Each structure stands twice: as C-alpha cells, then as structure tokens.
C-alpha cells in the first residue's frame, strides 16, 4: 500500500476521532457542566492536557515514521542496513536471552497475564483497574491487526521462511508497552507506596525496553517497526492512564482504598513466573540472519580496473556516498588477519554495550584501547566484515588512531575462488560531538590519501604484494557520516595478501 492510500485512511480515522471527541465534549458541557465547575481543580485540567499532549506527540512521531516506512526513503534505507548488520552478531547466549524476552511479550503469555492481573484487581473490589487490563491488551491487539492490514509492510526476507503476516507494527512491542506499562502505572499509584513497588517497576520497565530490541535482534522486524510500535503503545497507554485517574465527567477518582493483599499477589506472581519459565524453556524462538550470496567467479583481468558492477564508494546509514575505495585486497579472511597482525595492526571488536562503554572511558581518560569497536560503515548496504586499527601516537591513546574498514566483494577469481575485498581507510585525529545523531565520535583527517599510503607501506613491510594502482572515482571531495570533509584522488591500491 502506498503512503497516499494509507494517509487517506488514517486521515479519515483521525477525523472520526476528532468528531467523536467534540461530540463527547459537547455532551459533557451540556450534561455535566455543573460537576465540572464544582469539582475541577486547577491542576486537574493541566494533567488532562498533559495526557493529551503525550498522546498527540506519540501519534505525530508514529505518523512520521509510518510515512517514511511507506516510501523508499531514508527510513527504509536505514532499516535495510541495520538489519544487514545483524549478520555480524552470532551469539548463542544472546539468542536464548532475546528469545526469552520475546516470549514474555507473546500473545500466549501476555493475554493470560492480563487476565490474571485483572482477576487479582477484581477480587480486591477494584473493578475499574481490572477492566482496564483487559482493555489494554484487547486494544493493542486490535490496533495491531488494523495497522497490519492497512500498511502491509513485508517482513525482512530472511524471516519469511518461518514468520507469516506483515511486519508493521510489532504486536509484541505494542502488547508489552500497554500491559506492562499499565502495571507500572498502577504500582506507582498505590498508596502507601512501599519499596517493593519501586523494585517491581525496574524489571517491568526493562521488559518494555528489551522487547523491541529482541524483535530486531531475532531478525523478524525492521528497526523502525518497533520504534513506531513503542510510540503507538505510549499513546494508547496515556489514554488508559487518563481513564484510571479521571471519571467520565472530568472529576478525579478518589485514591485507591483497597490494597492488594500479600497472599493473593504472591500466588499470582508465582504462577506468572512459573509460566514464564515453562514458556521460555519450551519455546525457543528462531532467528533470521541475513546471509551474503556466494561470490561469483570472474577472470583475473579485473585487477587492471574495477568492474562496473561493483560499488565504488562506501555509504552511510541512509545510503549517502562517502569515501571511495582505497584498497582492493586479494586473499582469504585468514590471510588478511595474518597480514595486518604482522604489520602491527589490531582487529577491532564488534560494537557492544561493554565495548562502547570501555571505549568511552578510554576517550575520557585519554588511554589506549587497541581493540576498541568502530562504528559501522556500509558498502552495497552491507556493514564492514573486518576492521583493523593501529594507535596513532606513542602513548597509544584511542583519540588518535589509524583504522581501515574492509568488505567482502561479491566476486572472486581463480579455481579456488579467492575472495576480493574492498576497503576504505582514514586517520582519527581527535574527538568531536556530532549534533545528529548526538554522539561523540572521532574526527578524521581530510587527507585520506595520506592514510592510504601509510596503510600500504605497513602491509608491504609485512610481505604483502602491491600489484598496481587503479582509478576508482577520480578526484573527489565529500563528507563522511559524521560530517567530516575528505579529499582524495580517487585511486586504490590492488594488493595480494597471503601466498604469492
């Protein structure tokens, strides 16, 4: 479905919602006007207005993402590249962890949990909260079905083998935000509030954060699917919390007088935990990982020029061109690792929370981190396969480093099909703050050709054969993803690593 068709349906739905809101407002003034003027305090309409602002802001962001999802623009381009980055992360422990997280937001788990919690509140004479739990999960499921039918965004190709139905929005994320968000709100609303209320909120909030991450990690949703689902879930949750706090005539509900007793709560909590463990052990989710197509064999005449079918520049997250290739390497991945290790380079770690935190501390303290992770760059929508770095100063400070990103090309040559690799390189000459996406990153030396020659010299000293120089783009100026300018003559070294 195109953006224009979806926009038409969404505008009609919004107009109906606005008309219904005006009709309800007119009825409220005519039939409950005396109650509004007698009971409302100044802070009550302010809180209601704040709730509507949250709803409006969430829906606006949701609509903005939806528009990007339904076009071949920056959002779609970023989704494809982020999804392709998943192939770099292969961990059995992470797979089991995120499989458990996604199970805790599945319909098979969330619906029984919502019913159990509704029963718990009902037996304590808190029927309004009990009904809202059922409304929360039912509303999330209805929104999911309607939007999937309207948008019809296909899932990532790697997930189609075992997942059916459209990708947008994420039902798991919607359900987790609605049900666990409602439970957080009610826990914090309890009077008197005790320490265990606060303790219980922490894992619930963590679930709301981790569920969308789990859907992306398992490869069954595009990243912007889950971001939009969190937005929509927050809007739905804000509507529900206003229903908890205020009556239909606009007056505020009295504080809760019926506290949840310990023994029913313990029984329900034990049943939920036992069911979660059973479900996690019996239902391990499959993960979809994008795979590179096997390289096609070609004659070695390509060594004199770059074939037209290959990309000539690296890309940023949305597909914008960056530095042209500085190297073409002939050899296996093991050959590359041995050559760079012999030349005094270190292989960079994959990005992770621990690795990025360690790198940040080293940047602040101006210390060495020879294996610090490098941000992904892209080539033909694929992240780099290998990254090597080398300290740029005698102190080894991470603020100044040489680094090179290497991608496997989709071609090989010869009978054993020896792989071809493309690479770009640059020298990190300091640290800078990038306004968008609001991150600290390295500032590169604009003379990237100087770094190209430095890398070539270190590899030649380690025994690599420098076959020739070829033209990739010709003289070129541009900017990288961080906005740093570069200038190059657009040529690349063709080097053979490993056996001669």
Protein backbone atom coordinates (compact mmCIF):
# COMPACT_ATOMS: atom_id res chain seq x y z
CA UNK A 1 0.00 0.00 0.00
CA UNK A 2 1.27 3.45 -0.87
CA UNK A 3 1.71 6.29 1.58
CA UNK A 4 -1.09 8.24 -0.11
CA UNK A 5 -3.62 5.43 0.36
CA UNK A 6 -2.59 4.82 3.94
CA UNK A 7 -2.64 8.56 4.65
CA UNK A 8 -6.21 8.80 3.32
CA UNK A 9 -7.39 6.00 5.63
CA UNK A 10 -5.52 7.46 8.62
CA UNK A 11 -6.91 10.96 8.00
CA UNK A 12 -10.44 9.56 7.86
CA UNK A 13 -9.84 7.71 11.14
CA UNK A 14 -8.41 10.85 12.78
CA UNK A 15 -11.37 12.96 11.58
CA UNK A 16 -13.77 10.44 13.07
CA UNK A 17 -11.81 10.51 16.34
CA UNK A 18 -11.87 14.34 16.42
CA UNK A 19 -15.61 14.39 15.67
CA UNK A 20 -16.22 11.87 18.44
CA UNK A 21 -14.12 13.96 20.85
CA UNK A 22 -16.11 17.12 20.02
CA UNK A 23 -19.39 15.25 20.43
CA UNK A 24 -18.28 13.92 23.78
CA UNK A 25 -17.13 17.41 24.83
CA UNK A 26 -20.50 18.91 23.88
CA UNK A 27 -22.34 16.21 25.80
CA UNK A 28 -20.03 16.78 28.78
CA UNK A 29 -20.70 20.52 28.87
CA UNK A 30 -24.47 20.14 28.50
CA UNK A 31 -24.98 17.30 30.96
CA UNK A 32 -22.04 17.57 33.36
CA UNK A 33 -21.14 21.23 33.21
CA UNK A 34 -22.18 21.83 36.81
CA UNK A 35 -19.99 18.96 38.01
CA UNK A 36 -17.03 20.28 36.05
CA UNK A 37 -17.26 23.77 37.54
CA UNK A 38 -17.86 22.46 41.06
CA UNK A 39 -15.26 19.71 41.30
CA UNK A 40 -12.40 20.57 38.98
CA UNK A 41 -9.26 21.98 40.49
CA UNK A 42 -6.68 23.92 38.55
CA UNK A 43 -4.20 21.05 38.39
CA UNK A 44 -6.72 18.55 37.01
CA UNK A 45 -7.21 20.13 33.57
CA UNK A 46 -3.45 20.67 33.40
CA UNK A 47 -2.87 16.95 33.92
CA UNK A 48 -5.53 16.07 31.38
CA UNK A 49 -3.92 18.48 28.91
CA UNK A 50 -0.53 16.87 29.60
CA UNK A 51 -2.02 13.48 28.83
CA UNK A 52 -3.40 14.74 25.52
CA UNK A 53 -0.01 16.29 24.69
CA UNK A 54 1.67 12.92 25.26
CA UNK A 55 -0.91 11.22 23.06
CA UNK A 56 -0.56 13.83 20.31
CA UNK A 57 3.27 13.80 20.39
CA UNK A 58 3.40 9.99 20.26
CA UNK A 59 0.93 9.83 17.37
CA UNK A 60 2.81 12.56 15.49
CA UNK A 61 6.09 10.66 15.77
CA UNK A 62 4.30 7.43 14.85
CA UNK A 63 2.81 9.05 11.74
CA UNK A 64 6.19 10.48 10.75
CA UNK A 65 7.81 7.03 10.95
CA UNK A 66 4.88 5.47 9.09
CA UNK A 67 5.31 7.91 6.24
CA UNK A 68 8.99 7.01 5.99
CA UNK A 69 8.20 3.28 6.16
CA UNK A 70 5.77 3.54 3.23
CA UNK A 71 8.27 5.27 0.95
CA UNK A 72 11.66 4.28 -0.44
CA UNK A 73 13.35 7.00 1.54
CA UNK A 74 15.80 7.34 4.35
CA UNK A 75 13.85 5.24 6.86
CA UNK A 76 13.68 2.24 4.51
CA UNK A 77 17.36 2.58 3.60
CA UNK A 78 18.38 2.73 7.27
CA UNK A 79 16.20 -0.29 8.10
CA UNK A 80 17.87 -2.42 5.42
CA UNK A 81 21.39 -1.53 6.54
CA UNK A 82 20.66 -2.01 10.24
CA UNK A 83 19.06 -5.37 9.52
CA UNK A 84 22.09 -6.45 7.48
CA UNK A 85 24.31 -5.54 10.44
CA UNK A 86 22.73 -8.44 12.37
CA UNK A 87 24.86 -10.97 10.49
CA UNK A 88 27.88 -9.74 12.47
CA UNK A 89 26.31 -10.80 15.76
CA UNK A 90 26.19 -14.56 16.28
CA UNK A 91 25.82 -15.48 19.95
CA UNK A 92 24.00 -18.46 21.41
CA UNK A 93 23.68 -16.69 24.75
CA UNK A 94 22.15 -13.57 23.20
CA UNK A 95 19.84 -15.75 21.12
CA UNK A 96 18.49 -17.54 24.20
CA UNK A 97 18.22 -14.27 26.15
CA UNK A 98 16.27 -12.40 23.50
CA UNK A 99 14.16 -15.49 22.76
CA UNK A 100 13.06 -15.45 26.41
CA UNK A 101 12.37 -11.71 26.27
CA UNK A 102 10.21 -12.04 23.17
CA UNK A 103 8.31 -14.95 24.77
CA UNK A 104 7.37 -12.64 27.64
CA UNK A 105 5.58 -10.38 25.16
CA UNK A 106 3.91 -13.08 23.08
CA UNK A 107 0.14 -13.44 22.94
CA UNK A 108 0.45 -16.83 24.64
CA UNK A 109 1.98 -15.09 27.68
CA UNK A 110 0.64 -11.54 27.80
CA UNK A 111 -3.05 -12.44 27.45
CA UNK A 112 -3.08 -14.91 30.40
CA UNK A 113 -1.03 -12.44 32.46
CA UNK A 114 -3.51 -9.62 31.73
CA UNK A 115 -6.42 -11.88 32.70
CA UNK A 116 -4.69 -12.97 35.93
CA UNK A 117 -3.93 -9.38 36.88
CA UNK A 118 -7.49 -8.34 36.04
CA UNK A 119 -8.78 -11.11 38.31
CA UNK A 120 -6.44 -10.00 41.09
CA UNK A 121 -7.74 -6.43 40.99
CA UNK A 122 -11.36 -7.57 40.62
CA UNK A 123 -11.24 -9.69 43.78
CA UNK A 124 -9.98 -6.63 45.67
CA UNK A 125 -13.01 -4.60 44.54
CA UNK A 126 -11.00 -2.57 42.05
CA UNK A 127 -13.14 -3.32 39.05
CA UNK A 128 -12.15 -0.27 37.07
CA UNK A 129 -8.45 -1.23 37.03
CA UNK A 130 -9.38 -4.84 36.29
CA UNK A 131 -11.35 -3.83 33.22
CA UNK A 132 -8.54 -1.60 32.01
CA UNK A 133 -6.10 -4.53 31.94
CA UNK A 134 -8.43 -6.35 29.57
CA UNK A 135 -8.97 -3.17 27.53
CA UNK A 136 -5.19 -2.59 27.34
CA UNK A 137 -4.38 -5.94 25.75
CA UNK A 138 -7.53 -6.02 23.61
CA UNK A 139 -6.88 -2.52 22.29
CA UNK A 140 -3.25 -3.34 21.50
CA UNK A 141 -4.28 -6.45 19.56
CA UNK A 142 -6.97 -4.55 17.62
CA UNK A 143 -4.54 -1.75 16.71
CA UNK A 144 -2.01 -4.34 15.56
CA UNK A 145 -4.49 -6.13 13.28
CA UNK A 146 -5.89 -2.91 11.77
CA UNK A 147 -2.49 -1.38 11.06
CA UNK A 148 -1.04 -4.60 9.66
CA UNK A 149 -3.99 -4.76 7.27
CA UNK A 150 -3.61 -1.10 6.23
CA UNK A 151 0.19 -0.87 5.93
CA UNK A 152 1.05 -4.40 4.75
CA UNK A 153 4.81 -3.95 5.09
CA UNK A 154 6.65 -7.20 4.29
CA UNK A 155 8.90 -8.71 6.92
CA UNK A 156 12.66 -8.95 6.38
CA UNK A 157 13.25 -11.54 3.62
CA UNK A 158 15.24 -13.81 5.95
CA UNK A 159 12.23 -14.13 8.31
CA UNK A 160 9.66 -15.13 5.67
CA UNK A 161 10.64 -18.79 5.93
CA UNK A 162 9.09 -19.12 9.40
CA UNK A 163 7.09 -15.90 10.02
CA UNK A 164 3.79 -15.03 8.38
CA UNK A 165 1.89 -11.78 8.26
CA UNK A 166 3.02 -8.18 7.75
CA UNK A 167 5.83 -6.61 9.76
CA UNK A 168 4.36 -3.23 10.75
CA UNK A 169 3.63 -2.72 13.62
CA UNK A 170 5.19 -5.13 16.13
CA UNK A 171 2.42 -6.81 18.12
CA UNK A 172 4.87 -7.96 20.78
CA UNK A 173 6.07 -4.39 21.35
CA UNK A 174 2.54 -2.98 21.45
CA UNK A 175 1.36 -5.59 23.95
CA UNK A 176 4.39 -5.18 26.21
CA UNK A 177 4.09 -1.39 26.27
CA UNK A 178 0.37 -1.48 27.01
CA UNK A 179 0.17 -4.26 29.63
CA UNK A 180 3.48 -3.79 31.44
CA UNK A 181 3.15 -0.01 31.20
CA UNK A 182 -0.29 -0.17 32.81
CA UNK A 183 1.08 -2.37 35.59
CA UNK A 184 3.92 0.12 36.21
CA UNK A 185 1.40 2.97 36.44
CA UNK A 186 -0.80 1.13 38.94
CA UNK A 187 2.17 0.08 41.07
CA UNK A 188 3.40 3.66 41.34
CA UNK A 189 -0.15 4.83 42.09
CA UNK A 190 -0.52 2.59 45.13
CA UNK A 191 -0.89 4.36 48.48
CA UNK A 192 1.11 3.99 50.62
CA UNK A 193 3.92 3.27 48.18
CA UNK A 194 6.47 0.84 49.58
CA UNK A 195 9.96 -0.20 48.47
CA UNK A 196 8.73 -3.31 46.69
CA UNK A 197 6.57 -1.20 44.37
CA UNK A 198 9.71 0.55 43.15
CA UNK A 199 11.65 -2.72 42.90
CA UNK A 200 8.87 -4.31 40.82
CA UNK A 201 8.86 -1.39 38.39
CA UNK A 202 12.51 -1.90 37.34
CA UNK A 203 12.15 -5.29 35.56
CA UNK A 204 8.84 -4.22 34.03
CA UNK A 205 10.42 -1.11 32.54
CA UNK A 206 13.38 -3.22 31.36
CA UNK A 207 10.93 -5.53 29.57
CA UNK A 208 9.34 -2.62 27.72
CA UNK A 209 12.82 -1.57 26.54
CA UNK A 210 14.12 -5.06 25.73
CA UNK A 211 11.11 -6.45 23.87
CA UNK A 212 11.55 -4.21 20.79
CA UNK A 213 15.30 -4.90 20.84
CA UNK A 214 14.58 -8.64 20.91
CA UNK A 215 12.34 -8.42 17.86
CA UNK A 216 15.05 -6.65 15.89
CA UNK A 217 17.82 -8.94 17.15
CA UNK A 218 15.84 -12.05 16.13
CA UNK A 219 15.52 -10.52 12.68
CA UNK A 220 11.72 -10.71 12.43
CA UNK A 221 11.03 -6.95 12.38
CA UNK A 222 12.63 -3.90 10.81
CA UNK A 223 14.03 -1.44 13.39
CA UNK A 224 11.52 1.31 12.65
CA UNK A 225 8.63 -1.14 13.07
CA UNK A 226 9.38 -1.47 16.76
CA UNK A 227 10.15 2.24 17.27
CA UNK A 228 6.76 3.15 15.81
CA UNK A 229 5.12 0.44 17.93
CA UNK A 230 6.58 1.94 21.13
CA UNK A 231 5.19 5.34 20.08
CA UNK A 232 1.74 3.90 19.44
CA UNK A 233 1.86 1.90 22.67
CA UNK A 234 2.73 5.04 24.65
CA UNK A 235 -0.21 6.90 23.10
CA UNK A 236 -2.56 4.03 23.97
CA UNK A 237 -1.12 3.81 27.48
CA UNK A 238 -1.58 7.56 28.02
CA UNK A 239 -5.25 7.22 27.08
CA UNK A 240 -5.70 4.36 29.53
CA UNK A 241 -3.98 6.16 32.41
CA UNK A 242 -6.30 9.13 31.95
CA UNK A 243 -9.24 6.75 32.26
CA UNK A 244 -7.75 5.45 35.52
CA UNK A 245 -7.24 8.92 37.00
CA UNK A 246 -10.43 10.67 35.85
CA UNK A 247 -14.15 9.86 35.64
CA UNK A 248 -16.28 10.45 32.59
CA UNK A 249 -17.44 13.83 33.97
CA UNK A 250 -13.84 15.02 34.28
CA UNK A 251 -13.56 14.74 38.06
CA UNK A 252 -10.61 12.95 39.58
CA UNK A 253 -11.12 9.49 41.02
CA UNK A 254 -10.62 9.03 44.72
CA UNK A 255 -7.36 7.44 45.88
CA UNK A 256 -7.43 3.65 45.96
CA UNK A 257 -8.68 2.34 49.29
CA UNK A 258 -8.45 -1.40 48.67
CA UNK A 259 -4.84 -2.51 48.84
CA UNK A 260 -3.70 -5.72 47.16
CA UNK A 261 -3.24 -8.34 49.87
CA UNK A 262 0.06 -10.17 50.07
CA UNK A 263 -1.08 -13.78 49.68
CA UNK A 264 -3.18 -13.35 46.50
CA UNK A 265 -0.40 -11.27 44.99
CA UNK A 266 2.17 -13.96 45.88
CA UNK A 267 0.02 -16.67 44.25
CA UNK A 268 -0.47 -14.69 41.05
CA UNK A 269 3.22 -13.68 40.89
CA UNK A 270 4.35 -17.29 41.42
CA UNK A 271 2.01 -18.52 38.70
CA UNK A 272 3.28 -15.88 36.25
CA UNK A 273 6.95 -16.64 36.96
CA UNK A 274 6.39 -20.41 36.65
CA UNK A 275 4.56 -19.97 33.35
CA UNK A 276 7.31 -17.67 32.07
CA UNK A 277 9.99 -20.27 32.85
CA UNK A 278 7.93 -23.04 31.23
CA UNK A 279 7.32 -20.99 28.09
CA UNK A 280 10.96 -19.88 27.79
CA UNK A 281 12.20 -23.48 28.08
CA UNK A 282 9.66 -24.95 25.66
CA UNK A 283 9.53 -22.22 23.01
CA UNK A 284 12.94 -21.10 21.78
CA UNK A 285 12.42 -18.51 19.05
CA UNK A 286 14.08 -18.88 15.68
CA UNK A 287 16.32 -16.08 14.48
CA UNK A 288 16.66 -14.75 10.96
CA UNK A 289 20.13 -13.77 9.88
CA UNK A 290 20.88 -12.10 6.54
CA UNK A 291 23.44 -14.08 4.57
CA UNK A 292 25.78 -12.90 1.85
CA UNK A 293 25.28 -14.51 -1.53
CA UNK A 294 28.13 -16.77 -2.69
CA UNK A 295 30.66 -14.78 -4.75
CA UNK A 296 30.66 -15.30 -8.49
CA UNK A 297 33.92 -16.34 -10.14
CA UNK A 298 35.45 -13.99 -12.73
CA UNK A 299 38.68 -13.80 -14.70
CA UNK A 300 41.60 -12.04 -13.06
CA UNK A 301 41.59 -9.28 -15.69
CA UNK A 302 39.57 -7.21 -13.21
CA UNK A 303 42.84 -6.46 -11.45
CA UNK A 304 43.54 -3.74 -14.01
CA UNK A 305 40.24 -1.90 -13.41
CA UNK A 306 37.22 -2.09 -11.14
CA UNK A 307 34.29 -3.86 -12.85
CA UNK A 308 31.22 -1.72 -13.45
CA UNK A 309 29.03 -3.99 -11.36
CA UNK A 310 30.86 -3.18 -8.11
CA UNK A 311 30.16 -0.21 -5.87
CA UNK A 312 32.83 2.45 -5.88
CA UNK A 313 32.17 4.25 -2.59
CA UNK A 314 31.23 3.38 0.95
CA UNK A 315 27.84 4.54 2.29
CA UNK A 316 26.37 6.00 5.43
CA UNK A 317 23.30 4.56 7.19
CA UNK A 318 20.84 6.02 4.71
CA UNK A 319 22.85 5.21 1.61
CA UNK A 320 24.63 8.53 1.13
CA UNK A 321 28.02 8.18 -0.63
CA UNK A 322 31.17 8.55 1.47
CA UNK A 323 34.85 7.79 0.80
CA UNK A 324 35.69 5.81 -2.38
CA UNK A 325 37.55 2.54 -2.06
CA UNK A 326 41.22 2.94 -1.18
CA UNK A 327 42.20 -0.74 -1.45
CA UNK A 328 41.32 -3.96 -3.22
CA UNK A 329 42.75 -7.00 -1.41
CA UNK A 330 43.10 -10.47 -2.91
CA UNK A 331 43.20 -13.26 -0.34
CA UNK A 332 41.18 -15.08 2.27
CA UNK A 333 39.92 -13.60 5.52
CA UNK A 334 42.62 -15.53 7.38
CA UNK A 335 45.26 -14.09 5.03
CA UNK A 336 44.03 -10.57 5.77
CA UNK A 337 44.16 -11.10 9.52
CA UNK A 338 47.68 -12.51 9.39
CA UNK A 339 48.91 -9.69 7.14
CA UNK A 340 47.51 -6.91 9.31
CA UNK A 341 48.68 -8.56 12.52
CA UNK A 342 52.20 -8.87 11.08
CA UNK A 343 52.05 -5.18 10.10
CA UNK A 344 51.28 -4.13 13.69
CA UNK A 345 47.52 -3.66 13.41
CA UNK A 346 44.82 -4.84 15.83
CA UNK A 347 41.42 -6.22 14.90
CA UNK A 348 38.60 -4.09 16.30
CA UNK A 349 35.93 -5.68 18.46
CA UNK A 350 32.31 -5.72 17.35
CA UNK A 351 30.16 -2.95 18.86
CA UNK A 352 28.62 -3.91 22.22
CA UNK A 353 27.42 -2.12 25.34
CA UNK A 354 30.52 -3.23 27.26
CA UNK A 355 32.89 -2.36 24.41
CA UNK A 356 31.38 1.07 23.77
CA UNK A 357 31.37 1.90 27.49
CA UNK A 358 35.04 0.87 27.77
CA UNK A 359 35.91 2.94 24.69
CA UNK A 360 34.12 5.99 26.11
CA UNK A 361 36.05 5.72 29.37
CA UNK A 362 39.31 5.42 27.45
CA UNK A 363 38.42 8.51 25.41
CA UNK A 364 37.69 10.50 28.58
CA UNK A 365 40.87 9.30 30.29
CA UNK A 366 42.96 9.57 27.09
CA UNK A 367 44.04 5.92 27.41
CA UNK A 368 44.79 3.16 24.93
CA UNK A 369 42.12 0.75 23.66
CA UNK A 370 43.75 -1.15 20.78
CA UNK A 371 40.66 -3.27 20.09
CA UNK A 372 38.05 -0.52 20.55
CA UNK A 373 34.92 -1.02 18.40
CA UNK A 374 34.46 1.07 15.27
CA UNK A 375 31.11 2.39 14.13
CA UNK A 376 29.66 0.50 11.16
CA UNK A 377 30.02 1.94 7.68
CA UNK A 378 28.30 0.37 4.69
CA UNK A 379 29.14 -0.77 1.20
CA UNK A 380 26.36 -2.11 -1.01
CA UNK A 381 24.05 -1.96 2.06
CA UNK A 382 26.40 -4.29 3.97
CA UNK A 383 28.42 -3.45 7.11
CA UNK A 384 32.16 -3.98 7.11
CA UNK A 385 33.29 -7.58 7.59
CA UNK A 386 36.62 -6.68 9.17
CA UNK A 387 38.00 -3.60 10.91
CA UNK A 388 41.64 -3.07 11.85
CA UNK A 389 43.15 -0.20 13.82
CA UNK A 390 46.53 0.97 14.99
CA UNK A 391 47.49 3.64 17.56
CA UNK A 392 48.45 6.96 16.01
CA UNK A 393 50.65 8.23 18.84
CA UNK A 394 53.37 6.69 21.04
CA UNK A 395 51.03 6.83 24.05
CA UNK A 396 48.52 4.62 22.24
CA UNK A 397 45.63 6.99 23.01
CA UNK A 398 42.36 5.98 21.40
CA UNK A 399 41.76 9.60 20.47
CA UNK A 400 44.30 9.27 17.67
CA UNK A 401 44.29 6.09 15.61
CA UNK A 402 44.65 4.69 12.12
CA UNK A 403 41.84 2.45 11.01
CA UNK A 404 40.61 0.61 7.94
CA UNK A 405 37.22 -0.99 7.19
CA UNK A 406 37.09 -3.98 4.85
CA UNK A 407 34.13 -5.52 2.95
CA UNK A 408 33.96 -8.76 1.03
CA UNK A 409 33.15 -8.14 -2.63
CA UNK A 410 30.55 -10.31 -4.40
CA UNK A 411 33.18 -11.69 -6.81
CA UNK A 412 36.21 -13.97 -6.61
CA UNK A 413 38.73 -15.27 -9.10
CA UNK A 414 40.67 -18.40 -9.95
CA UNK A 415 39.90 -22.09 -9.43
CA UNK A 416 39.86 -21.92 -5.61
CA UNK A 417 37.66 -18.77 -5.91
CA UNK A 418 39.98 -16.46 -3.99
CA UNK A 419 37.92 -13.66 -2.43
CA UNK A 420 38.24 -10.00 -3.35
CA UNK A 421 37.87 -7.36 -0.62
CA UNK A 422 37.27 -3.61 -0.85
CA UNK A 423 38.40 -1.20 1.87
CA UNK A 424 38.39 2.43 2.94
CA UNK A 425 40.72 3.98 5.50
CA UNK A 426 41.14 7.21 7.47
CA UNK A 427 43.11 8.65 10.36
CA UNK A 428 41.29 9.66 13.54
CA UNK A 429 42.87 12.95 14.60
CA UNK A 430 40.64 13.76 17.59
CA UNK A 431 37.21 13.63 19.16
CA UNK A 432 34.15 15.66 18.20
CA UNK A 433 30.45 15.89 19.06
CA UNK A 434 28.08 15.23 16.15
CA UNK A 435 24.78 17.16 16.50
CA UNK A 436 22.92 14.37 14.73
CA UNK A 437 22.72 11.66 15.98
CA UNK A 438 24.05 13.45 19.11
CA UNK A 439 27.09 11.24 19.66
CA UNK A 440 30.77 11.57 20.40
CA UNK A 441 32.83 10.28 17.52
CA UNK A 442 36.28 10.56 16.00
CA UNK A 443 37.18 13.45 13.69
CA UNK A 444 39.08 12.29 10.62
CA UNK A 445 41.99 13.85 8.78
CA UNK A 446 40.54 15.09 5.46
CA UNK A 447 43.64 13.90 3.55
CA UNK A 448 42.55 10.26 3.34
CA UNK A 449 45.15 9.54 0.65
CA UNK A 450 47.89 10.05 3.25
CA UNK A 451 46.32 7.30 5.34
CA UNK A 452 46.02 5.08 2.25
CA UNK A 453 49.76 5.32 1.66
CA UNK A 454 50.53 4.70 5.32
CA UNK A 455 48.43 1.51 5.32
CA UNK A 456 50.04 0.33 2.07
CA UNK A 457 53.55 0.92 3.45
CA UNK A 458 52.86 -1.08 6.64
CA UNK A 459 51.44 -4.00 4.63
CA UNK A 460 54.35 -4.00 2.17
CA UNK A 461 56.73 -4.19 5.13
CA UNK A 462 54.84 -7.29 6.30
CA UNK A 463 55.21 -9.06 2.95
CA UNK A 464 52.01 -8.09 1.07
CA UNK A 465 52.42 -7.65 -2.69
CA UNK A 466 51.39 -4.23 -4.05
CA UNK A 467 50.26 -5.12 -7.59
CA UNK A 468 49.16 -1.78 -9.03
CA UNK A 469 47.12 1.36 -8.56
CA UNK A 470 43.74 1.67 -10.28
CA UNK A 471 41.29 4.56 -10.59
CA UNK A 472 38.05 4.14 -8.67
CA UNK A 473 36.29 7.51 -8.99
CA UNK A 474 38.93 10.08 -9.85
CA UNK A 475 39.46 13.23 -7.76
CA UNK A 476 36.68 13.65 -5.26
CA UNK A 477 35.57 15.72 -2.29
CA UNK A 478 32.87 14.75 0.16
CA UNK A 479 31.83 14.18 3.73
CA UNK A 480 31.57 11.10 5.90
CA UNK A 481 28.64 10.14 8.14
CA UNK A 482 29.89 12.42 10.93
CA UNK A 483 30.02 15.42 8.59
CA UNK A 484 33.85 15.49 8.35
CA UNK A 485 35.20 16.58 4.97
CA UNK A 486 37.60 14.45 2.94
CA UNK A 487 39.58 14.90 -0.26
CA UNK A 488 41.06 12.13 -2.41
CA UNK A 489 42.48 11.45 -5.85
CA UNK A 490 40.04 8.52 -6.09
CA UNK A 491 42.63 5.79 -6.67
CA UNK A 492 43.10 2.45 -4.90
CA UNK A 493 45.95 0.02 -4.27
CA UNK A 494 45.42 -3.55 -5.50
CA UNK A 495 47.29 -5.80 -3.07
CA UNK A 496 47.68 -9.53 -2.68
CA UNK A 497 47.95 -10.92 0.85
CA UNK A 498 48.86 -14.45 1.84
CA UNK A 499 50.52 -16.83 -0.58
CA UNK A 500 52.08 -15.14 -3.63
